[in-house]
């Protein structure tokens, strides 16, 4: 996962699943979920589309955000990725 953020926006770029990792079938969607509550374990779906990039705005600066994703094809859904933890913030100048 590659991620970039500023004070109120986080951009998530998920790696495209290709080749033999697709099980021989095209990927139909990437499911992206997030949690904005430190130790919370409940995730909310942000997107389910063919896009591997998503921007989440209007965030609270300094808040911890957790992200995970899964992919789907004709067979079903993959397990979720490892959880990526980041903060909506910028590096001090």
Protein backbone atom coordinates (compact mmCIF):
# COMPACT_ATOMS: atom_id res chain seq x y z
CA UNK A 1 0.00 0.00 0.00
CA UNK A 2 1.17 3.45 -0.76
CA UNK A 3 -0.45 6.32 1.04
CA UNK A 4 -0.16 10.08 1.12
CA UNK A 5 -2.03 12.56 3.26
CA UNK A 6 -2.38 16.17 4.27
CA UNK A 7 -4.19 17.80 7.18
CA UNK A 8 -7.67 16.72 6.06
CA UNK A 9 -7.30 14.25 3.16
CA UNK A 10 -5.83 10.78 2.80
CA UNK A 11 -5.16 9.23 -0.62
CA UNK A 12 -4.99 5.43 -0.74
CA UNK A 13 -3.36 3.64 -3.69
CA UNK A 14 -3.94 -0.12 -3.57
CA UNK A 15 -1.66 -2.39 -5.60
CA UNK A 16 -3.34 -3.80 -8.71
CA UNK A 17 -3.81 -7.55 -8.53
CA UNK A 18 -2.66 -9.10 -11.81
CA UNK A 19 -1.26 -12.26 -13.37
CA UNK A 20 -1.51 -15.54 -11.49
CA UNK A 21 -2.63 -13.70 -8.32
CA UNK A 22 -6.09 -13.35 -9.92
CA UNK A 23 -6.62 -17.10 -10.09
CA UNK A 24 -6.94 -16.83 -13.86
CA UNK A 25 -10.04 -14.62 -13.71
CA UNK A 26 -10.25 -10.84 -14.05
CA UNK A 27 -10.65 -8.76 -10.88
CA UNK A 28 -14.14 -7.25 -10.79
CA UNK A 29 -13.69 -4.90 -7.83
CA UNK A 30 -11.47 -3.64 -5.04
CA UNK A 31 -13.28 -3.27 -1.71
CA UNK A 32 -11.75 -0.58 0.51
CA UNK A 33 -12.76 -0.20 4.17
CA UNK A 34 -11.64 2.15 6.94
CA UNK A 35 -11.86 2.69 10.68
CA UNK A 36 -11.35 6.06 12.32
CA UNK A 37 -11.13 5.30 15.96
CA UNK A 38 -7.80 4.22 17.36
CA UNK A 39 -8.43 0.80 18.88
CA UNK A 40 -11.83 0.29 17.21
CA UNK A 41 -12.40 -2.89 15.21
CA UNK A 42 -15.45 -1.91 13.15
CA UNK A 43 -14.68 -1.07 9.52
CA UNK A 44 -16.87 0.95 7.14
CA UNK A 45 -16.84 0.36 3.39
CA UNK A 46 -15.55 3.35 1.43
CA UNK A 47 -15.55 1.96 -2.07
CA UNK A 48 -16.22 -1.12 -4.14
CA UNK A 49 -15.07 -0.48 -7.69
CA UNK A 50 -12.48 -1.38 -10.33
CA UNK A 51 -10.36 1.62 -9.26
CA UNK A 52 -7.22 1.05 -7.16
CA UNK A 53 -7.08 4.65 -5.91
CA UNK A 54 -9.38 6.46 -3.49
CA UNK A 55 -9.31 9.81 -1.71
CA UNK A 56 -10.99 10.32 1.67
CA UNK A 57 -11.46 13.97 2.64
CA UNK A 58 -12.98 16.12 5.39
CA UNK A 59 -10.98 14.30 8.04
CA UNK A 60 -10.03 15.36 11.55
CA UNK A 61 -6.36 16.37 11.68
CA UNK A 62 -4.32 14.15 14.00
CA UNK A 63 -6.85 11.31 14.04
CA UNK A 64 -5.71 7.70 13.47
CA UNK A 65 -7.24 6.01 10.43
CA UNK A 66 -6.99 2.30 9.59
CA UNK A 67 -7.50 0.87 6.11
CA UNK A 68 -7.85 -2.60 4.65
CA UNK A 69 -8.93 -3.95 1.28
CA UNK A 70 -10.01 -7.11 -0.50
CA UNK A 71 -10.51 -7.97 -4.16
CA UNK A 72 -13.32 -9.86 -5.87
CA UNK A 73 -13.72 -11.82 -9.07
CA UNK A 74 -16.28 -14.34 -10.37
CA UNK A 75 -15.26 -16.89 -7.73
CA UNK A 76 -15.70 -14.57 -4.71
CA UNK A 77 -13.82 -12.28 -2.37
CA UNK A 78 -10.21 -12.59 -1.21
CA UNK A 79 -9.25 -12.33 2.46
CA UNK A 80 -8.65 -8.75 3.63
CA UNK A 81 -5.20 -7.21 3.39
CA UNK A 82 -3.09 -6.38 6.41
CA UNK A 83 -4.36 -3.23 8.13
CA UNK A 84 -2.58 0.00 7.20
CA UNK A 85 -2.54 2.62 9.99
CA UNK A 86 -1.94 6.32 9.28
CA UNK A 87 -2.84 9.76 10.58
CA UNK A 88 -4.39 12.70 8.81
CA UNK A 89 -1.50 15.09 9.22
CA UNK A 90 1.48 16.62 7.47
CA UNK A 91 5.17 16.49 8.30
CA UNK A 92 6.25 19.72 10.03
CA UNK A 93 8.19 22.12 7.78
